[in-house]
PDB file of N, CA and C in Angstrom:
ATOM      1  N   MET A   1      10.505   3.191   4.482  1.00  0.00           N
ATOM      2  CA  MET A   1      10.520   2.674   3.585  1.00  0.00           C
ATOM      3  C   MET A   1       9.186   1.353   3.495  1.00  0.00           C
ATOM      4  N   ARG A   2      10.341   0.666   3.979  1.00  0.00           N
ATOM      5  CA  ARG A   2       9.327  -0.903   4.556  1.00  0.00           C
ATOM      6  C   ARG A   2       8.392  -1.032   5.115  1.00  0.00           C
ATOM      7  N   GLU A   3       7.780  -0.234   6.318  1.00  0.00           N
ATOM      8  CA  GLU A   3       6.054  -0.399   6.645  1.00  0.00           C
ATOM      9  C   GLU A   3       5.299   0.296   5.473  1.00  0.00           C
ATOM     10  N   ILE A   4       5.756   1.619   5.114  1.00  0.00           N
ATOM     11  CA  ILE A   4       5.067   2.299   4.069  1.00  0.00           C
ATOM     12  C   ILE A   4       4.709   1.250   2.819  1.00  0.00           C
ATOM     13  N   ALA A   5       5.809   0.250   2.431  1.00  0.00           N
ATOM     14  CA  ALA A   5       5.309  -0.803   1.589  1.00  0.00           C
ATOM     15  C   ALA A   5       4.583  -1.622   1.722  1.00  0.00           C
ATOM     16  N   ILE A   6       4.828  -2.112   3.122  1.00  0.00           N
ATOM     17  CA  ILE A   6       3.677  -3.093   3.642  1.00  0.00           C
ATOM     18  C   ILE A   6       2.423  -2.626   3.335  1.00  0.00           C
ATOM     19  N   ALA A   7       2.370  -1.559   3.738  1.00  0.00           N
ATOM     20  CA  ALA A   7       0.757  -1.220   3.964  1.00  0.00           C
ATOM     21  C   ALA A   7       0.569  -0.216   2.703  1.00  0.00           C
ATOM     22  N   GLY A   8       0.631  -0.964   1.572  1.00  0.00           N
ATOM     23  CA  GLY A   8       0.306  -0.455   0.218  1.00  0.00           C
ATOM     24  C   GLY A   8       0.669   0.841  -0.016  1.00  0.00           C
ATOM     25  N   GLY A   9       1.949   1.466   0.357  1.00  0.00           N
ATOM     26  CA  GLY A   9       2.199   2.781  -0.059  1.00  0.00           C
ATOM     27  C   GLY A   9       3.257   3.052  -1.473  1.00  0.00           C
ATOM     28  N   GLY A  10       3.431   2.180  -1.879  1.00  0.00           N
ATOM     29  CA  GLY A  10       4.475   2.023  -3.291  1.00  0.00           C
ATOM     30  C   GLY A  10       5.034   1.042  -2.957  1.00  0.00           C
ATOM     31  N   ILE A  11       6.626   1.406  -3.822  1.00  0.00           N
ATOM     32  CA  ILE A  11       7.354   0.582  -3.819  1.00  0.00           C
ATOM     33  C   ILE A  11       8.827   0.844  -3.230  1.00  0.00           C
ATOM     34  N   ALA A  12       9.197  -0.054  -3.270  1.00  0.00           N
ATOM     35  CA  ALA A  12      10.822   0.759  -1.956  1.00  0.00           C
ATOM     36  C   ALA A  12      11.402  -0.823  -2.726  1.00  0.00           C
ATOM     37  N   MET A  13      12.721   0.270  -2.379  1.00  0.00           N
ATOM     38  CA  MET A  13      14.249  -0.355  -3.439  1.00  0.00           C
ATOM     39  C   MET A  13      14.645  -0.662  -1.988  1.00  0.00           C
ATOM     40  N   THR A  14      14.748  -1.507  -0.965  1.00  0.00           N
ATOM     41  CA  THR A  14      15.272  -1.957   0.078  1.00  0.00           C
ATOM     42  C   THR A  14      16.748  -3.060  -0.085  1.00  0.00           C
ATOM     43  N   PRO A  15      17.325  -3.264   1.043  1.00  0.00           N
ATOM     44  CA  PRO A  15      18.465  -4.212   0.924  1.00  0.00           C
ATOM     45  C   PRO A  15      17.496  -5.546   1.492  1.00  0.00           C
ATOM     46  N   ASP A  16      17.869  -6.825   0.917  1.00  0.00           N
ATOM     47  CA  ASP A  16      16.947  -7.788   1.170  1.00  0.00           C
ATOM     48  C   ASP A  16      16.743  -8.551   2.703  1.00  0.00           C
ATOM     49  N   PHE A  17      17.805  -7.839   3.566  1.00  0.00           N
ATOM     50  CA  PHE A  17      17.486  -8.682   4.817  1.00  0.00           C
ATOM     51  C   PHE A  17      16.595  -7.847   5.445  1.00  0.00           C
ATOM     52  N   ILE A  18      16.459  -6.413   5.156  1.00  0.00           N
ATOM     53  CA  ILE A  18      15.631  -5.526   5.624  1.00  0.00           C
ATOM     54  C   ILE A  18      13.762  -6.073   5.838  1.00  0.00           C
ATOM     55  N   VAL A  19      13.726  -6.545   4.466  1.00  0.00           N
ATOM     56  CA  VAL A  19      11.883  -7.047   3.810  1.00  0.00           C
ATOM     57  C   VAL A  19      12.277  -8.623   3.564  1.00  0.00           C
ATOM     58  N   LYS A  20      13.247  -9.416   4.106  1.00  0.00           N
ATOM     59  CA  LYS A  20      12.974 -10.635   3.415  1.00  0.00           C
ATOM     60  C   LYS A  20      12.149 -11.537   4.527  1.00  0.00           C
ATOM     61  N   ASP A  21      11.960 -10.990   5.599  1.00  0.00           N
ATOM     62  CA  ASP A  21      10.855 -11.740   6.518  1.00  0.00           C
ATOM     63  C   ASP A  21       9.218 -11.261   5.981  1.00  0.00           C
ATOM     64  N   ALA A  22       8.862 -10.043   5.554  1.00  0.00           N
ATOM     65  CA  ALA A  22       8.169  -9.767   4.471  1.00  0.00           C
ATOM     66  C   ALA A  22       8.048  -9.837   3.258  1.00  0.00           C
ATOM     67  N   ILE A  23       8.658 -10.488   2.567  1.00  0.00           N
ATOM     68  CA  ILE A  23       8.561 -11.072   1.492  1.00  0.00           C
ATOM     69  C   ILE A  23       8.604 -12.776   1.679  1.00  0.00           C
ATOM     70  N   ASN A  24       8.961 -13.403   2.789  1.00  0.00           N
ATOM     71  CA  ASN A  24       8.335 -14.983   3.368  1.00  0.00           C
ATOM     72  C   ASN A  24       7.427 -15.239   3.852  1.00  0.00           C
ATOM     73  N   ASP A  25       6.463 -14.161   4.300  1.00  0.00           N
ATOM     74  CA  ASP A  25       5.312 -14.515   4.624  1.00  0.00           C
ATOM     75  C   ASP A  25       4.501 -13.378   3.761  1.00  0.00           C
ATOM     76  N   GLY A  26       4.922 -12.978   2.724  1.00  0.00           N
ATOM     77  CA  GLY A  26       3.948 -12.958   1.066  1.00  0.00           C
ATOM     78  C   GLY A  26       3.172 -11.060   1.598  1.00  0.00           C
ATOM     79  N   ARG A  27       4.084 -10.347   2.514  1.00  0.00           N
ATOM     80  CA  ARG A  27       3.270  -9.448   3.022  1.00  0.00           C
ATOM     81  C   ARG A  27       3.971  -8.139   1.826  1.00  0.00           C
ATOM     82  N   LEU A  28       4.512  -8.862   1.216  1.00  0.00           N
ATOM     83  CA  LEU A  28       5.738  -7.557   0.031  1.00  0.00           C
ATOM     84  C   LEU A  28       5.982  -8.843  -1.032  1.00  0.00           C
ATOM     85  N   ILE A  29       6.432  -8.644  -2.706  1.00  0.00           N
ATOM     86  CA  ILE A  29       6.521  -9.100  -3.322  1.00  0.00           C
ATOM     87  C   ILE A  29       7.414  -8.435  -3.840  1.00  0.00           C
ATOM     88  N   PRO A  30       8.860  -9.287  -4.800  1.00  0.00           N
ATOM     89  CA  PRO A  30       9.316  -8.260  -5.256  1.00  0.00           C
ATOM     90  C   PRO A  30       9.026  -8.466  -6.738  1.00  0.00           C
ATOM     91  N   ILE A  31       9.558  -7.201  -7.083  1.00  0.00           N
ATOM     92  CA  ILE A  31       9.084  -6.890  -8.978  1.00  0.00           C
ATOM     93  C   ILE A  31      10.253  -6.477  -9.738  1.00  0.00           C
ATOM     94  N   LEU A  32      11.280  -6.928  -9.451  1.00  0.00           N
ATOM     95  CA  LEU A  32      12.226  -6.657  -9.483  1.00  0.00           C
ATOM     96  C   LEU A  32      13.871  -7.544  -9.541  1.00  0.00           C
ATOM     97  N   PRO A  33      13.114  -8.781  -9.393  1.00  0.00           N
ATOM     98  CA  PRO A  33      14.468  -9.580  -8.521  1.00  0.00           C
ATOM     99  C   PRO A  33      15.572 -10.173  -9.277  1.00  0.00           C
ATOM    100  N   ASP A  34      15.705  -9.249 -10.807  1.00  0.00           N
ATOM    101  CA  ASP A  34      16.775  -9.816 -11.218  1.00  0.00           C
ATOM    102  C   ASP A  34      17.665  -8.577 -11.499  1.00  0.00           C
ATOM    103  N   TYR A  35      17.169  -7.340 -11.126  1.00  0.00           N
ATOM    104  CA  TYR A  35      17.890  -6.057 -10.833  1.00  0.00           C
ATOM    105  C   TYR A  35      18.792  -5.265  -9.310  1.00  0.00           C
ATOM    106  N   THR A  36      19.598  -5.153  -9.504  1.00  0.00           N
ATOM    107  CA  THR A  36      21.157  -5.017  -9.010  1.00  0.00           C
ATOM    108  C   THR A  36      21.530  -3.789  -8.649  1.00  0.00           C
ATOM    109  N   THR A  37      21.451  -3.695  -7.986  1.00  0.00           N
ATOM    110  CA  THR A  37      22.448  -2.500  -7.507  1.00  0.00           C
ATOM    111  C   THR A  37      23.706  -1.887  -7.412  1.00  0.00           C
ATOM    112  N   LEU A  38      24.314  -0.484  -7.298  1.00  0.00           N
ATOM    113  CA  LEU A  38      25.838  -0.554  -6.748  1.00  0.00           C
ATOM    114  C   LEU A  38      25.816  -1.285  -5.194  1.00  0.00           C
ATOM    115  N   GLU A  39      27.116  -2.395  -5.490  1.00  0.00           N
ATOM    116  CA  GLU A  39      27.329  -2.516  -4.367  1.00  0.00           C
ATOM    117  C   GLU A  39      27.840  -1.645  -3.403  1.00  0.00           C
ATOM    118  N   PHE A  40      27.840  -1.830  -1.959  1.00  0.00           N
ATOM    119  CA  PHE A  40      28.401  -0.776  -1.183  1.00  0.00           C
ATOM    120  C   PHE A  40      29.053  -1.659  -0.022  1.00  0.00           C
ATOM    121  N   GLY A  41      30.179  -0.982   0.536  1.00  0.00           N
ATOM    122  CA  GLY A  41      30.801  -1.661   1.400  1.00  0.00           C
ATOM    123  C   GLY A  41      30.264  -1.519   3.030  1.00  0.00           C
ATOM    124  N   LEU A  42      30.496  -2.404   4.245  1.00  0.00           N
ATOM    125  CA  LEU A  42      30.283  -2.422   4.869  1.00  0.00           C
ATOM    126  C   LEU A  42      31.889  -2.228   5.944  1.00  0.00           C
ATOM    127  N   PHE A  43      31.977  -1.113   7.067  1.00  0.00           N
ATOM    128  CA  PHE A  43      33.202  -1.864   7.330  1.00  0.00           C
ATOM    129  C   PHE A  43      33.583  -1.636   8.913  1.00  0.00           C
ATOM    130  N   ALA A  44      34.183  -2.570   9.479  1.00  0.00           N
ATOM    131  CA  ALA A  44      34.368  -1.983  10.656  1.00  0.00           C
ATOM    132  C   ALA A  44      35.473  -1.514  11.584  1.00  0.00           C
ATOM    133  N   ILE A  45      35.763  -0.314  12.160  1.00  0.00           N
ATOM    134  CA  ILE A  45      36.758   0.361  12.128  1.00  0.00           C
ATOM    135  C   ILE A  45      36.777   0.489  13.323  1.00  0.00           C
ATOM    136  N   TYR A  46      37.865   0.132  14.405  1.00  0.00           N
ATOM    137  CA  TYR A  46      38.174  -0.239  15.985  1.00  0.00           C
ATOM    138  C   TYR A  46      39.939  -0.258  16.049  1.00  0.00           C
ATOM    139  N   PRO A  47      39.944   0.841  16.964  1.00  0.00           N
ATOM    140  CA  PRO A  47      41.495   0.975  17.663  1.00  0.00           C
ATOM    141  C   PRO A  47      42.096  -0.327  17.318  1.00  0.00           C
ATOM    142  N   HIS A  48      43.755  -0.564  16.813  1.00  0.00           N
ATOM    143  CA  HIS A  48      44.443  -1.320  16.448  1.00  0.00           C
ATOM    144  C   HIS A  48      44.579  -1.971  17.589  1.00  0.00           C
ATOM    145  N   ARG A  49      44.671  -2.692  18.503  1.00  0.00           N
ATOM    146  CA  ARG A  49      45.445  -3.170  19.513  1.00  0.00           C
ATOM    147  C   ARG A  49      45.842  -5.003  18.967  1.00  0.00           C
ATOM    148  N   LYS A  50      46.317  -5.764  20.415  1.00  0.00           N
ATOM    149  CA  LYS A  50      46.741  -6.639  20.141  1.00  0.00           C
ATOM    150  C   LYS A  50      45.729  -8.040  20.463  1.00  0.00           C
ATOM    151  N   TYR A  51      45.523  -7.184  21.579  1.00  0.00           N
ATOM    152  CA  TYR A  51      43.750  -8.139  21.878  1.00  0.00           C
ATOM    153  C   TYR A  51      42.702  -7.170  22.072  1.00  0.00           C
ATOM    154  N   VAL A  52      41.721  -7.550  21.072  1.00  0.00           N
ATOM    155  CA  VAL A  52      40.158  -7.369  20.736  1.00  0.00           C
ATOM    156  C   VAL A  52      39.466  -7.026  21.783  1.00  0.00           C
ATOM    157  N   ALA A  53      38.251  -6.373  22.110  1.00  0.00           N
ATOM    158  CA  ALA A  53      37.629  -6.555  23.260  1.00  0.00           C
ATOM    159  C   ALA A  53      36.835  -7.885  23.092  1.00  0.00           C
ATOM    160  N   LYS A  54      36.244  -8.651  23.908  1.00  0.00           N
ATOM    161  CA  LYS A  54      35.446  -9.515  23.088  1.00  0.00           C
ATOM    162  C   LYS A  54      34.275  -9.076  22.339  1.00  0.00           C
ATOM    163  N   LYS A  55      33.428  -8.405  22.864  1.00  0.00           N
ATOM    164  CA  LYS A  55      31.686  -7.359  22.224  1.00  0.00           C
ATOM    165  C   LYS A  55      32.422  -7.008  21.073  1.00  0.00           C
ATOM    166  N   VAL A  56      33.542  -6.292  20.595  1.00  0.00           N
ATOM    167  CA  VAL A  56      33.990  -6.210  19.334  1.00  0.00           C
ATOM    168  C   VAL A  56      34.195  -6.991  17.785  1.00  0.00           C
ATOM    169  N   ARG A  57      34.788  -8.072  18.808  1.00  0.00           N
ATOM    170  CA  ARG A  57      34.867  -9.650  18.055  1.00  0.00           C
ATOM    171  C   ARG A  57      33.698 -10.197  17.516  1.00  0.00           C
ATOM    172  N   CYS A  58      32.615 -10.221  18.572  1.00  0.00           N
ATOM    173  CA  CYS A  58      31.316 -10.946  18.294  1.00  0.00           C
ATOM    174  C   CYS A  58      30.666 -10.134  17.558  1.00  0.00           C
ATOM    175  N   PHE A  59      30.851  -8.715  17.255  1.00  0.00           N
ATOM    176  CA  PHE A  59      30.149  -7.483  16.787  1.00  0.00           C
ATOM    177  C   PHE A  59      30.390  -8.136  15.434  1.00  0.00           C
ATOM    178  N   ILE A  60      31.648  -7.906  14.867  1.00  0.00           N
ATOM    179  CA  ILE A  60      32.239  -8.037  13.987  1.00  0.00           C
ATOM    180  C   ILE A  60      32.251  -9.654  12.767  1.00  0.00           C
ATOM    181  N   ASP A  61      31.854 -10.103  13.870  1.00  0.00           N
ATOM    182  CA  ASP A  61      31.962 -12.188  13.508  1.00  0.00           C
ATOM    183  C   ASP A  61      29.985 -12.290  12.841  1.00  0.00           C
ATOM    184  N   PHE A  62      29.638 -11.169  13.829  1.00  0.00           N
ATOM    185  CA  PHE A  62      28.382 -11.458  14.070  1.00  0.00           C
ATOM    186  C   PHE A  62      27.730 -10.958  12.234  1.00  0.00           C
ATOM    187  N   ALA A  63      28.102  -9.591  12.203  1.00  0.00           N
ATOM    188  CA  ALA A  63      28.173  -8.702  10.470  1.00  0.00           C
ATOM    189  C   ALA A  63      29.259 -10.263  10.044  1.00  0.00           C
ATOM    190  N   LEU A  64      30.012 -10.269   9.713  1.00  0.00           N
ATOM    191  CA  LEU A  64      30.347 -11.163   9.214  1.00  0.00           C
ATOM    192  C   LEU A  64      29.344 -12.401   8.271  1.00  0.00           C
ATOM    193  N   ALA A  65      29.203 -13.165   9.395  1.00  0.00           N
ATOM    194  CA  ALA A  65      27.793 -14.077   8.904  1.00  0.00           C
ATOM    195  C   ALA A  65      26.968 -13.568   8.362  1.00  0.00           C
ATOM    196  N   GLN A  66      26.093 -12.543   8.778  1.00  0.00           N
ATOM    197  CA  GLN A  66      25.011 -11.910   8.289  1.00  0.00           C
ATOM    198  C   GLN A  66      25.047 -11.263   6.960  1.00  0.00           C
ATOM    199  N   TRP A  67      26.256 -10.439   6.255  1.00  0.00           N
ATOM    200  CA  TRP A  67      26.136 -10.149   5.407  1.00  0.00           C
ATOM    201  C   TRP A  67      27.264 -10.091   4.776  1.00  0.00           C
ATOM    202  N   SER A  68      27.988 -10.855   4.433  1.00  0.00           N
ATOM    203  CA  SER A  68      28.945 -11.537   4.218  1.00  0.00           C
ATOM    204  C   SER A  68      28.707 -12.216   2.522  1.00  0.00           C
ATOM    205  N   LYS A  69      29.480 -11.699   1.240  1.00  0.00           N
ATOM    206  CA  LYS A  69      29.100 -12.560   1.038  1.00  0.00           C
ATOM    207  C   LYS A  69      29.356 -14.473   0.519  1.00  0.00           C
TER     208      LYS A  69
END
């Protein structure tokens, strides 16, 4: 959807993080900036252990930094 919208193929409703760069450099223009949709959750599911693998912990920390409000 992102690439079709950039190419002039129509309107796309996508998450901000997917089109942020295209909006910032003018390839896309927000047309309903105050419109909101239903919120959805993003969940990290991993085995419960006393020690979580470092790569899992790093991904969870990255996801929280990128997508938490």
